[in-house]
């Protein structure tokens, strides 16, 4: 009898065979290295696979995921990924992609004790607090949650612009940061039209003398 984890191994064999059928050199090409143009900072939600929803192949997108796609200045994991993507891989675009119906965002909207996750959700609660006037004026809960998803993405794009990693890259080379939101209801990505490509959108107190 096949166990649940064995299903993944069998699935892997089927996937590998299909790839070789389509392109006999597929895996040979992957061994040559990666040269992605994009860094994707997305949510850990299993329904939002970066390559699948953008119809891209392995090697095209460098990916970091965490609960509710948050950019925290003390998160060494995220900062290490960002540094490697920007300085070593020299990606041209960094995309923060949230999604409507995000469990992390919904959890941050009430006062339920979420255990250890409270520490992470605090970052989203800060976004809510910053935009409380706008959010509290939205009577429909789903609409309010969707707007918080968007505001959270915008805030994380801004947080990226405050990092030395990004600012140093702006000094030396071109780099664009974008904010997107994915919708489960139609499978489409919404561009929030928040895109930073230089330091002019960063408040002076957060600008480094580089």
N, C-alpha and C. Protein backbone atom coordinates (compact mmCIF):
# COMPACT_ATOMS: atom_id res chain seq x y z
N UNK A 1 0.85 -1.20 0.00
CA UNK A 1 0.00 0.00 0.00
C UNK A 1 0.88 1.25 0.00
N UNK A 2 0.62 2.17 -0.86
CA UNK A 2 1.42 3.39 -0.99
C UNK A 2 1.08 4.37 0.11
N UNK A 3 2.10 4.82 0.85
CA UNK A 3 1.88 5.81 1.89
C UNK A 3 1.85 7.20 1.28
N UNK A 4 1.45 8.18 2.09
CA UNK A 4 1.32 9.54 1.57
C UNK A 4 2.65 10.10 1.10
N UNK A 5 3.73 9.80 1.83
CA UNK A 5 5.01 10.37 1.39
C UNK A 5 5.57 9.62 0.18
N UNK A 6 5.24 8.34 0.04
CA UNK A 6 5.68 7.60 -1.14
C UNK A 6 5.01 8.13 -2.40
N UNK A 7 3.83 8.72 -2.24
CA UNK A 7 3.15 9.35 -3.37
C UNK A 7 4.04 10.43 -3.98
N UNK A 8 4.75 11.16 -3.12
CA UNK A 8 5.64 12.22 -3.61
C UNK A 8 6.80 11.64 -4.41
N UNK A 9 7.36 10.52 -3.95
CA UNK A 9 8.48 9.90 -4.66
C UNK A 9 8.04 9.37 -6.02
N UNK A 10 6.88 8.75 -6.06
CA UNK A 10 6.36 8.27 -7.34
C UNK A 10 6.05 9.45 -8.27
N UNK A 11 5.52 10.52 -7.68
CA UNK A 11 5.24 11.70 -8.46
C UNK A 11 6.50 12.30 -9.05
N UNK A 12 7.58 12.25 -8.27
CA UNK A 12 8.87 12.76 -8.76
C UNK A 12 9.36 11.98 -9.96
N UNK A 13 9.22 10.66 -9.91
CA UNK A 13 9.67 9.83 -11.03
C UNK A 13 8.86 10.13 -12.29
N UNK A 14 7.56 10.31 -12.10
CA UNK A 14 6.70 10.62 -13.24
C UNK A 14 7.04 11.98 -13.83
N UNK A 15 7.31 12.95 -12.95
CA UNK A 15 7.68 14.30 -13.41
C UNK A 15 8.99 14.27 -14.17
N UNK A 16 10.00 13.57 -13.61
CA UNK A 16 11.31 13.50 -14.27
C UNK A 16 11.20 12.84 -15.64
N UNK A 17 10.41 11.78 -15.71
CA UNK A 17 10.23 11.09 -16.99
C UNK A 17 9.56 11.99 -18.02
N UNK A 18 8.58 12.77 -17.57
CA UNK A 18 7.86 13.68 -18.48
C UNK A 18 8.79 14.78 -18.99
N UNK A 19 9.64 15.29 -18.10
CA UNK A 19 10.59 16.33 -18.51
C UNK A 19 11.58 15.79 -19.54
N UNK A 20 12.06 14.59 -19.32
CA UNK A 20 13.01 13.99 -20.27
C UNK A 20 12.34 13.70 -21.61
N UNK A 21 11.07 13.35 -21.55
CA UNK A 21 10.32 13.10 -22.78
C UNK A 21 10.21 14.37 -23.61
N UNK A 22 9.95 15.49 -22.92
CA UNK A 22 9.80 16.78 -23.62
C UNK A 22 11.14 17.34 -24.08
N UNK A 23 12.17 17.12 -23.23
CA UNK A 23 13.49 17.68 -23.53
C UNK A 23 14.57 16.78 -22.93
N UNK A 24 15.22 15.96 -23.73
CA UNK A 24 16.24 15.03 -23.23
C UNK A 24 17.39 15.71 -22.49
N UNK A 25 17.61 17.00 -22.75
CA UNK A 25 18.71 17.73 -22.11
C UNK A 25 18.26 18.56 -20.90
N UNK A 26 17.01 18.39 -20.47
CA UNK A 26 16.45 19.24 -19.41
C UNK A 26 17.33 19.23 -18.16
N UNK A 27 17.63 18.06 -17.62
CA UNK A 27 18.39 17.99 -16.38
C UNK A 27 19.88 18.28 -16.61
N UNK A 28 20.37 17.94 -17.77
CA UNK A 28 21.75 18.28 -18.12
C UNK A 28 21.93 19.80 -18.10
N UNK A 29 20.94 20.51 -18.62
CA UNK A 29 21.01 21.97 -18.63
C UNK A 29 20.93 22.55 -17.21
N UNK A 30 20.13 21.93 -16.34
CA UNK A 30 20.01 22.42 -14.97
C UNK A 30 21.34 22.31 -14.21
N UNK A 31 22.13 21.29 -14.53
CA UNK A 31 23.40 21.11 -13.82
C UNK A 31 24.42 22.20 -14.16
N UNK A 32 24.15 22.96 -15.21
CA UNK A 32 25.09 24.01 -15.63
C UNK A 32 24.99 25.26 -14.76
N UNK A 33 23.98 25.31 -13.87
CA UNK A 33 23.83 26.46 -12.99
C UNK A 33 22.54 27.21 -13.24
N UNK A 34 22.35 28.27 -12.49
CA UNK A 34 21.13 29.07 -12.62
C UNK A 34 21.47 30.52 -12.93
N UNK A 35 20.57 31.16 -13.65
CA UNK A 35 20.75 32.56 -14.00
C UNK A 35 19.40 33.27 -14.00
N UNK A 36 18.71 33.25 -12.85
CA UNK A 36 17.37 33.84 -12.79
C UNK A 36 17.41 35.37 -12.84
N UNK A 37 16.38 35.95 -13.43
CA UNK A 37 16.26 37.41 -13.45
C UNK A 37 15.41 37.91 -12.28
N UNK A 38 14.76 36.98 -11.57
CA UNK A 38 13.77 37.39 -10.58
C UNK A 38 14.02 36.74 -9.22
N UNK A 39 13.83 37.52 -8.17
CA UNK A 39 13.72 36.98 -6.81
C UNK A 39 12.26 37.13 -6.41
N UNK A 40 11.67 36.04 -5.98
CA UNK A 40 10.27 35.99 -5.58
C UNK A 40 10.20 35.86 -4.06
N UNK A 41 9.61 36.84 -3.39
CA UNK A 41 9.37 36.75 -1.95
C UNK A 41 7.87 36.54 -1.78
N UNK A 42 7.49 35.32 -1.46
CA UNK A 42 6.07 34.98 -1.42
C UNK A 42 5.66 34.34 -0.12
N UNK A 43 4.39 33.99 -0.04
CA UNK A 43 3.84 33.35 1.15
C UNK A 43 4.13 31.85 1.10
N UNK A 44 4.23 31.24 2.27
CA UNK A 44 4.48 29.80 2.37
C UNK A 44 3.27 28.96 1.98
N UNK A 45 2.13 29.59 1.78
CA UNK A 45 0.91 28.88 1.43
C UNK A 45 1.16 27.92 0.26
N UNK A 46 0.76 26.67 0.45
CA UNK A 46 1.04 25.63 -0.55
C UNK A 46 0.29 25.82 -1.85
N UNK A 47 -0.67 26.74 -1.88
CA UNK A 47 -1.46 26.97 -3.09
C UNK A 47 -0.86 28.04 -4.01
N UNK A 48 0.31 28.57 -3.62
CA UNK A 48 0.89 29.66 -4.41
C UNK A 48 2.32 29.32 -4.85
N UNK A 49 2.48 28.32 -5.73
CA UNK A 49 3.82 27.98 -6.23
C UNK A 49 4.27 28.97 -7.30
N UNK A 50 5.38 29.61 -7.07
CA UNK A 50 5.83 30.71 -7.94
C UNK A 50 5.95 30.30 -9.40
N UNK A 51 6.64 29.17 -9.68
CA UNK A 51 6.85 28.77 -11.07
C UNK A 51 5.54 28.43 -11.77
N UNK A 52 4.65 27.77 -11.03
CA UNK A 52 3.40 27.32 -11.66
C UNK A 52 2.50 28.48 -12.04
N UNK A 53 2.31 29.43 -11.12
CA UNK A 53 1.35 30.50 -11.40
C UNK A 53 1.91 31.55 -12.36
N UNK A 54 3.22 31.53 -12.60
CA UNK A 54 3.82 32.46 -13.57
C UNK A 54 4.20 31.74 -14.87
N UNK A 55 3.92 30.45 -14.93
CA UNK A 55 4.21 29.65 -16.12
C UNK A 55 5.67 29.75 -16.53
N UNK A 56 6.55 29.64 -15.53
CA UNK A 56 7.98 29.70 -15.79
C UNK A 56 8.63 28.35 -15.49
N UNK A 57 9.85 28.17 -15.97
CA UNK A 57 10.56 26.90 -15.81
C UNK A 57 11.52 26.95 -14.63
N UNK A 58 12.00 25.79 -14.24
CA UNK A 58 13.02 25.71 -13.21
C UNK A 58 14.23 26.55 -13.62
N UNK A 59 14.74 27.33 -12.68
CA UNK A 59 15.90 28.16 -12.96
C UNK A 59 15.59 29.59 -13.33
N UNK A 60 14.30 29.90 -13.52
CA UNK A 60 13.94 31.26 -13.92
C UNK A 60 13.64 32.18 -12.73
N UNK A 61 13.24 31.60 -11.61
CA UNK A 61 12.88 32.42 -10.44
C UNK A 61 13.58 31.88 -9.19
N UNK A 62 14.28 32.75 -8.50
CA UNK A 62 14.88 32.42 -7.20
C UNK A 62 13.82 32.74 -6.14
N UNK A 63 13.59 31.82 -5.21
CA UNK A 63 12.40 31.92 -4.36
C UNK A 63 12.72 31.92 -2.86
N UNK A 64 12.06 32.83 -2.15
CA UNK A 64 12.02 32.81 -0.69
C UNK A 64 10.57 32.90 -0.27
N UNK A 65 10.16 32.07 0.68
CA UNK A 65 8.76 32.10 1.13
C UNK A 65 8.70 32.06 2.66
N UNK A 66 7.76 32.82 3.20
CA UNK A 66 7.49 32.76 4.63
C UNK A 66 6.01 33.10 4.85
N UNK A 67 5.55 32.99 6.08
CA UNK A 67 4.14 33.27 6.36
C UNK A 67 3.83 34.73 6.05
N UNK A 68 2.92 34.92 5.11
CA UNK A 68 2.40 36.24 4.72
C UNK A 68 3.45 37.14 4.06
N UNK A 69 4.47 36.52 3.43
CA UNK A 69 5.45 37.26 2.61
C UNK A 69 5.95 38.55 3.28
N UNK A 70 6.47 38.39 4.48
CA UNK A 70 6.91 39.54 5.27
C UNK A 70 8.42 39.76 5.13
N UNK A 71 8.81 41.03 5.04
CA UNK A 71 10.23 41.40 4.99
C UNK A 71 10.58 42.07 6.31
N UNK A 72 11.36 41.36 7.12
CA UNK A 72 11.72 41.84 8.45
C UNK A 72 13.23 42.11 8.49
N UNK A 73 13.61 43.26 8.99
CA UNK A 73 15.03 43.66 8.93
C UNK A 73 15.94 42.81 9.81
N UNK A 74 15.37 41.98 10.70
CA UNK A 74 16.18 41.10 11.55
C UNK A 74 16.12 39.65 11.07
N UNK A 75 15.46 39.37 9.97
CA UNK A 75 15.33 38.00 9.46
C UNK A 75 16.55 37.66 8.62
N UNK A 76 17.51 36.97 9.24
CA UNK A 76 18.76 36.65 8.56
C UNK A 76 18.54 35.68 7.39
N UNK A 77 17.52 34.86 7.49
CA UNK A 77 17.21 33.95 6.38
C UNK A 77 16.85 34.74 5.14
N UNK A 78 15.87 35.62 5.27
CA UNK A 78 15.45 36.43 4.13
C UNK A 78 16.58 37.30 3.62
N UNK A 79 17.30 37.95 4.52
CA UNK A 79 18.38 38.85 4.11
C UNK A 79 19.50 38.10 3.38
N UNK A 80 19.75 36.85 3.80
CA UNK A 80 20.76 36.04 3.12
C UNK A 80 20.32 35.70 1.71
N UNK A 81 19.04 35.36 1.56
CA UNK A 81 18.49 35.08 0.23
C UNK A 81 18.56 36.33 -0.64
N UNK A 82 18.16 37.45 -0.06
CA UNK A 82 18.19 38.72 -0.79
C UNK A 82 19.60 39.06 -1.24
N UNK A 83 20.56 38.93 -0.35
CA UNK A 83 21.95 39.23 -0.68
C UNK A 83 22.45 38.34 -1.82
N UNK A 84 22.18 37.04 -1.69
CA UNK A 84 22.66 36.11 -2.71
C UNK A 84 22.02 36.41 -4.06
N UNK A 85 20.72 36.68 -4.04
CA UNK A 85 20.01 36.95 -5.29
C UNK A 85 20.51 38.23 -5.96
N UNK A 86 20.71 39.26 -5.16
CA UNK A 86 21.08 40.56 -5.70
C UNK A 86 22.56 40.65 -6.03
N UNK A 87 23.41 40.20 -5.13
CA UNK A 87 24.85 40.38 -5.31
C UNK A 87 25.51 39.27 -6.12
N UNK A 88 25.04 38.05 -5.96
CA UNK A 88 25.68 36.93 -6.66
C UNK A 88 24.96 36.60 -7.97
N UNK A 89 23.66 36.39 -7.88
CA UNK A 89 22.89 36.07 -9.08
C UNK A 89 22.58 37.30 -9.93
N UNK A 90 22.65 38.47 -9.28
CA UNK A 90 22.38 39.75 -9.95
C UNK A 90 21.03 39.76 -10.65
N UNK A 91 20.01 39.41 -9.89
CA UNK A 91 18.65 39.46 -10.44
C UNK A 91 18.31 40.90 -10.79
N UNK A 92 17.38 41.07 -11.71
CA UNK A 92 16.98 42.41 -12.15
C UNK A 92 15.70 42.88 -11.46
N UNK A 93 14.94 41.92 -10.91
CA UNK A 93 13.66 42.25 -10.30
C UNK A 93 13.48 41.48 -8.99
N UNK A 94 12.96 42.16 -7.98
CA UNK A 94 12.55 41.50 -6.74
C UNK A 94 11.04 41.70 -6.62
N UNK A 95 10.32 40.60 -6.50
CA UNK A 95 8.85 40.64 -6.46
C UNK A 95 8.35 40.17 -5.11
N UNK A 96 7.59 41.01 -4.43
CA UNK A 96 6.87 40.57 -3.24
C UNK A 96 5.47 40.22 -3.69
N UNK A 97 5.08 38.95 -3.53
CA UNK A 97 3.76 38.52 -3.98
C UNK A 97 2.96 37.94 -2.83
N UNK A 98 1.90 38.64 -2.44
CA UNK A 98 0.97 38.12 -1.47
C UNK A 98 -0.18 37.43 -2.16
N UNK A 99 -1.18 37.04 -1.40
CA UNK A 99 -2.37 36.44 -2.01
C UNK A 99 -3.59 36.72 -1.15
N UNK A 100 -4.71 36.90 -1.82
CA UNK A 100 -5.96 37.12 -1.11
C UNK A 100 -6.33 35.85 -0.34
N UNK A 101 -7.00 36.03 0.78
CA UNK A 101 -7.34 34.89 1.62
C UNK A 101 -6.17 34.35 2.40
N UNK A 102 -5.16 35.17 2.62
CA UNK A 102 -3.94 34.74 3.32
C UNK A 102 -4.23 34.44 4.79
N UNK A 103 -3.93 33.22 5.23
CA UNK A 103 -4.19 32.83 6.61
C UNK A 103 -3.42 33.66 7.62
N UNK A 104 -2.19 34.04 7.28
CA UNK A 104 -1.40 34.86 8.18
C UNK A 104 -2.01 36.23 8.39
N UNK A 105 -2.48 36.82 7.31
CA UNK A 105 -3.13 38.13 7.39
C UNK A 105 -4.43 38.04 8.19
N UNK A 106 -5.22 37.00 7.92
CA UNK A 106 -6.47 36.83 8.65
C UNK A 106 -6.22 36.62 10.14
N UNK A 107 -5.19 35.85 10.47
CA UNK A 107 -4.87 35.61 11.88
C UNK A 107 -4.42 36.88 12.58
N UNK A 108 -3.78 37.77 11.82
CA UNK A 108 -3.30 39.02 12.41
C UNK A 108 -4.41 40.03 12.64
N UNK A 109 -5.58 39.76 12.09
CA UNK A 109 -6.67 40.72 12.18
C UNK A 109 -7.51 40.59 13.45
N UNK A 110 -7.25 39.55 14.24
CA UNK A 110 -8.00 39.44 15.50
C UNK A 110 -7.03 39.26 16.66
N UNK A 111 -7.57 38.99 17.84
CA UNK A 111 -6.75 38.92 19.05
C UNK A 111 -6.56 37.50 19.57
N UNK A 112 -6.80 36.52 18.72
CA UNK A 112 -6.61 35.12 19.12
C UNK A 112 -5.13 34.84 19.35
N UNK A 113 -4.84 34.14 20.43
CA UNK A 113 -3.46 33.76 20.73
C UNK A 113 -3.03 32.68 19.75
N UNK A 114 -2.03 32.96 18.94
CA UNK A 114 -1.55 32.01 17.94
C UNK A 114 -0.25 31.34 18.37
N UNK A 115 0.03 31.38 19.67
CA UNK A 115 1.25 30.74 20.17
C UNK A 115 2.50 31.43 19.67
N UNK A 116 3.50 30.64 19.28
CA UNK A 116 4.77 31.19 18.84
C UNK A 116 4.61 32.10 17.62
N UNK A 117 3.59 31.82 16.81
CA UNK A 117 3.38 32.60 15.58
C UNK A 117 3.01 34.05 15.90
N UNK A 118 2.59 34.32 17.14
CA UNK A 118 2.29 35.70 17.53
C UNK A 118 3.44 36.64 17.18
N UNK A 119 4.66 36.16 17.39
CA UNK A 119 5.84 37.00 17.16
C UNK A 119 5.96 37.42 15.69
N UNK A 120 5.57 36.52 14.80
CA UNK A 120 5.64 36.81 13.36
C UNK A 120 4.48 37.69 12.92
N UNK A 121 3.30 37.37 13.44
CA UNK A 121 2.10 38.11 13.06
C UNK A 121 2.16 39.56 13.53
N UNK A 122 2.99 39.82 14.52
CA UNK A 122 3.15 41.19 15.03
C UNK A 122 3.50 42.15 13.89
N UNK A 123 4.28 41.68 12.93
CA UNK A 123 4.67 42.53 11.80
C UNK A 123 3.46 42.95 10.97
N UNK A 124 2.50 42.04 10.80
CA UNK A 124 1.30 42.36 10.02
C UNK A 124 0.36 43.24 10.83
N UNK A 125 0.30 42.98 12.13
CA UNK A 125 -0.52 43.84 12.99
C UNK A 125 -0.03 45.28 12.95
N UNK A 126 1.27 45.48 12.83
CA UNK A 126 1.83 46.82 12.72
C UNK A 126 1.35 47.50 11.43
N UNK A 127 1.24 46.71 10.36
CA UNK A 127 0.73 47.26 9.10
C UNK A 127 -0.72 47.68 9.28
N UNK A 128 -1.51 46.82 9.95
CA UNK A 128 -2.91 47.16 10.21
C UNK A 128 -3.01 48.44 11.02
N UNK A 129 -2.21 48.52 12.07
CA UNK A 129 -2.25 49.69 12.94
C UNK A 129 -1.89 50.96 12.19
N UNK A 130 -0.94 50.87 11.29
CA UNK A 130 -0.50 52.02 10.51
C UNK A 130 -1.61 52.52 9.60
N UNK A 131 -2.44 51.60 9.11
CA UNK A 131 -3.50 51.96 8.17
C UNK A 131 -4.88 51.74 8.78
N UNK A 132 -4.97 51.82 10.10
CA UNK A 132 -6.22 51.50 10.80
C UNK A 132 -7.39 52.36 10.34
N UNK A 133 -7.17 53.63 10.09
CA UNK A 133 -8.26 54.51 9.69
C UNK A 133 -8.90 54.03 8.40
N UNK A 134 -8.08 53.72 7.41
CA UNK A 134 -8.59 53.23 6.14
C UNK A 134 -9.27 51.87 6.30
N UNK A 135 -8.62 50.96 7.00
CA UNK A 135 -9.14 49.60 7.13
C UNK A 135 -10.43 49.55 7.94
N UNK A 136 -10.49 50.29 9.03
CA UNK A 136 -11.67 50.27 9.87
C UNK A 136 -12.89 50.89 9.19
N UNK A 137 -12.65 51.66 8.15
CA UNK A 137 -13.76 52.26 7.40
C UNK A 137 -14.38 51.28 6.41
N UNK A 138 -13.76 50.11 6.23
CA UNK A 138 -14.28 49.08 5.33
C UNK A 138 -15.14 48.12 6.15
N UNK A 139 -16.43 48.15 5.94
CA UNK A 139 -17.35 47.36 6.76
C UNK A 139 -17.30 45.87 6.46
N UNK A 140 -17.19 45.51 5.20
CA UNK A 140 -17.15 44.10 4.82
C UNK A 140 -15.81 43.48 5.22
N UNK A 141 -15.87 42.40 6.01
CA UNK A 141 -14.64 41.81 6.54
C UNK A 141 -13.72 41.29 5.43
N UNK A 142 -14.29 40.62 4.43
CA UNK A 142 -13.46 40.07 3.36
C UNK A 142 -12.77 41.18 2.58
N UNK A 143 -13.50 42.25 2.31
CA UNK A 143 -12.89 43.38 1.60
C UNK A 143 -11.79 44.01 2.44
N UNK A 144 -12.03 44.11 3.75
CA UNK A 144 -11.01 44.68 4.64
C UNK A 144 -9.76 43.80 4.66
N UNK A 145 -9.98 42.49 4.71
CA UNK A 145 -8.85 41.55 4.71
C UNK A 145 -8.08 41.64 3.40
N UNK A 146 -8.80 41.73 2.29
CA UNK A 146 -8.14 41.85 0.99
C UNK A 146 -7.31 43.13 0.90
N UNK A 147 -7.83 44.19 1.46
CA UNK A 147 -7.08 45.45 1.43
C UNK A 147 -5.84 45.36 2.32
N UNK A 148 -5.96 44.66 3.45
CA UNK A 148 -4.79 44.49 4.30
C UNK A 148 -3.73 43.65 3.60
N UNK A 149 -4.16 42.65 2.83
CA UNK A 149 -3.21 41.87 2.04
C UNK A 149 -2.43 42.79 1.11
N UNK A 150 -3.12 43.71 0.45
CA UNK A 150 -2.46 44.64 -0.46
C UNK A 150 -1.53 45.58 0.28
N UNK A 151 -2.02 46.14 1.37
CA UNK A 151 -1.20 47.08 2.15
C UNK A 151 0.03 46.38 2.73
N UNK A 152 -0.13 45.12 3.10
CA UNK A 152 1.00 44.37 3.63
C UNK A 152 2.08 44.19 2.57
N UNK A 153 1.67 43.88 1.34
CA UNK A 153 2.63 43.75 0.25
C UNK A 153 3.35 45.07 0.01
N UNK A 154 2.59 46.14 -0.05
CA UNK A 154 3.18 47.47 -0.27
C UNK A 154 4.19 47.80 0.82
N UNK A 155 3.84 47.48 2.05
CA UNK A 155 4.75 47.75 3.18
C UNK A 155 6.04 46.94 3.06
N UNK A 156 5.93 45.70 2.61
CA UNK A 156 7.12 44.85 2.49
C UNK A 156 8.01 45.31 1.34
N UNK A 157 7.40 45.82 0.27
CA UNK A 157 8.20 46.42 -0.81
C UNK A 157 9.00 47.60 -0.26
N UNK A 158 8.33 48.38 0.56
CA UNK A 158 9.00 49.53 1.16
C UNK A 158 10.11 49.08 2.11
N UNK A 159 9.86 48.01 2.86
CA UNK A 159 10.88 47.49 3.76
C UNK A 159 12.12 47.02 3.00
N UNK A 160 11.91 46.44 1.83
CA UNK A 160 13.05 46.03 1.01
C UNK A 160 13.90 47.22 0.63
N UNK A 161 13.25 48.33 0.31
CA UNK A 161 13.98 49.51 -0.13
C UNK A 161 14.82 50.12 0.99
N UNK A 162 14.53 49.76 2.23
CA UNK A 162 15.27 50.29 3.37
C UNK A 162 16.55 49.50 3.66
N UNK A 163 16.74 48.37 3.00
CA UNK A 163 17.91 47.54 3.28
C UNK A 163 19.15 48.06 2.57
N UNK A 164 20.28 47.89 3.20
CA UNK A 164 21.55 48.27 2.57
C UNK A 164 21.80 47.45 1.31
N UNK A 165 21.37 46.20 1.32
CA UNK A 165 21.57 45.32 0.17
C UNK A 165 20.97 45.93 -1.09
N UNK A 166 19.74 46.38 -0.99
CA UNK A 166 19.06 46.97 -2.14
C UNK A 166 19.66 48.32 -2.49
N UNK A 167 19.90 49.15 -1.49
CA UNK A 167 20.43 50.48 -1.76
C UNK A 167 21.82 50.43 -2.38
N UNK A 168 22.63 49.49 -1.94
CA UNK A 168 23.96 49.34 -2.53
C UNK A 168 23.84 48.93 -4.00
N UNK A 169 22.87 48.05 -4.29
CA UNK A 169 22.68 47.61 -5.66
C UNK A 169 22.18 48.76 -6.53
N UNK A 170 21.31 49.59 -5.98
CA UNK A 170 20.82 50.76 -6.72
C UNK A 170 21.96 51.70 -7.08
N UNK A 171 22.95 51.77 -6.20
CA UNK A 171 24.09 52.65 -6.46
C UNK A 171 24.93 52.14 -7.63
N UNK A 172 25.04 50.81 -7.73
CA UNK A 172 25.93 50.22 -8.73
C UNK A 172 25.23 49.75 -10.00
N UNK A 173 24.00 49.23 -9.86
CA UNK A 173 23.31 48.62 -11.00
C UNK A 173 21.81 48.84 -10.87
N UNK A 174 21.09 48.52 -11.93
CA UNK A 174 19.63 48.67 -11.94
C UNK A 174 18.96 47.50 -11.22
N UNK A 175 17.93 47.82 -10.47
CA UNK A 175 17.15 46.80 -9.76
C UNK A 175 15.76 47.37 -9.53
N UNK A 176 14.73 46.57 -9.82
CA UNK A 176 13.36 47.01 -9.61
C UNK A 176 12.68 46.10 -8.58
N UNK A 177 11.89 46.72 -7.70
CA UNK A 177 11.12 45.99 -6.69
C UNK A 177 9.64 46.18 -7.00
N UNK A 178 8.89 45.09 -6.98
CA UNK A 178 7.48 45.14 -7.37
C UNK A 178 6.60 44.52 -6.29
N UNK A 179 5.34 44.93 -6.25
CA UNK A 179 4.35 44.36 -5.34
C UNK A 179 3.18 43.78 -6.10
N UNK A 180 2.92 42.49 -5.90
CA UNK A 180 1.84 41.79 -6.58
C UNK A 180 0.95 41.07 -5.57
N UNK A 181 -0.27 40.74 -5.99
CA UNK A 181 -1.17 39.91 -5.20
C UNK A 181 -1.83 38.88 -6.11
N UNK A 182 -1.83 37.63 -5.67
CA UNK A 182 -2.42 36.53 -6.43
C UNK A 182 -3.82 36.23 -5.91
N UNK A 183 -4.75 35.92 -6.82
CA UNK A 183 -6.11 35.61 -6.43
C UNK A 183 -6.47 34.16 -6.71
N UNK A 184 -6.98 33.47 -5.69
CA UNK A 184 -7.38 32.08 -5.88
C UNK A 184 -8.63 31.96 -6.76
N UNK A 185 -9.45 32.99 -6.75
CA UNK A 185 -10.74 32.89 -7.43
C UNK A 185 -10.62 32.86 -8.95
N UNK A 186 -9.55 33.46 -9.47
CA UNK A 186 -9.39 33.47 -10.93
C UNK A 186 -7.99 33.08 -11.40
N UNK A 187 -7.08 32.86 -10.45
CA UNK A 187 -5.73 32.44 -10.81
C UNK A 187 -4.86 33.55 -11.37
N UNK A 188 -5.32 34.79 -11.26
CA UNK A 188 -4.58 35.90 -11.85
C UNK A 188 -3.80 36.69 -10.79
N UNK A 189 -2.70 37.28 -11.23
CA UNK A 189 -1.88 38.14 -10.39
C UNK A 189 -2.25 39.60 -10.64
N UNK A 190 -2.46 40.34 -9.56
CA UNK A 190 -2.75 41.76 -9.65
C UNK A 190 -1.49 42.56 -9.36
N UNK A 191 -1.10 43.39 -10.29
CA UNK A 191 0.04 44.28 -10.09
C UNK A 191 -0.46 45.50 -9.31
N UNK A 192 0.09 45.72 -8.13
CA UNK A 192 -0.35 46.83 -7.28
C UNK A 192 0.24 48.16 -7.73
N UNK A 193 1.03 48.13 -8.79
CA UNK A 193 1.64 49.35 -9.34
C UNK A 193 2.48 50.09 -8.30
N UNK A 194 3.11 49.31 -7.44
CA UNK A 194 4.10 49.88 -6.53
C UNK A 194 5.45 49.29 -6.97
N UNK A 195 6.28 50.13 -7.53
CA UNK A 195 7.54 49.66 -8.09
C UNK A 195 8.63 50.68 -7.76
N UNK A 196 9.68 50.23 -7.07
CA UNK A 196 10.79 51.10 -6.70
C UNK A 196 12.02 50.70 -7.52
N UNK A 197 12.69 51.70 -8.04
CA UNK A 197 13.91 51.42 -8.80
C UNK A 197 15.07 52.32 -8.39
N UNK A 198 14.83 53.17 -7.40
CA UNK A 198 15.91 54.01 -6.88
C UNK A 198 15.55 54.46 -5.46
N UNK A 199 16.42 55.24 -4.86
CA UNK A 199 16.29 55.58 -3.46
C UNK A 199 15.33 56.73 -3.18
N UNK A 200 14.79 57.34 -4.22
CA UNK A 200 13.98 58.54 -4.02
C UNK A 200 12.70 58.29 -3.21
N UNK A 201 12.21 57.03 -3.20
CA UNK A 201 11.00 56.72 -2.44
C UNK A 201 11.28 56.33 -0.98
N UNK A 202 12.56 56.35 -0.61
CA UNK A 202 12.95 55.97 0.75
C UNK A 202 13.09 57.22 1.60
N UNK A 203 12.46 57.21 2.78
CA UNK A 203 12.58 58.36 3.68
C UNK A 203 14.05 58.59 4.03
N UNK A 204 14.46 59.86 4.13
CA UNK A 204 15.88 60.17 4.37
C UNK A 204 16.51 59.44 5.54
N UNK A 205 15.78 59.21 6.60
CA UNK A 205 16.35 58.57 7.79
C UNK A 205 16.78 57.13 7.51
N UNK A 206 16.19 56.52 6.46
CA UNK A 206 16.53 55.14 6.13
C UNK A 206 17.55 55.02 5.00
N UNK A 207 18.06 56.14 4.52
CA UNK A 207 19.02 56.11 3.43
C UNK A 207 20.44 55.99 3.99
N UNK A 208 21.19 55.04 3.42
CA UNK A 208 22.57 54.84 3.85
C UNK A 208 23.52 55.68 3.00
N UNK A 209 24.56 56.19 3.62
CA UNK A 209 25.61 56.90 2.88
C UNK A 209 26.56 55.86 2.30
N UNK A 210 26.35 55.51 1.05
CA UNK A 210 27.14 54.45 0.43
C UNK A 210 28.04 55.00 -0.66
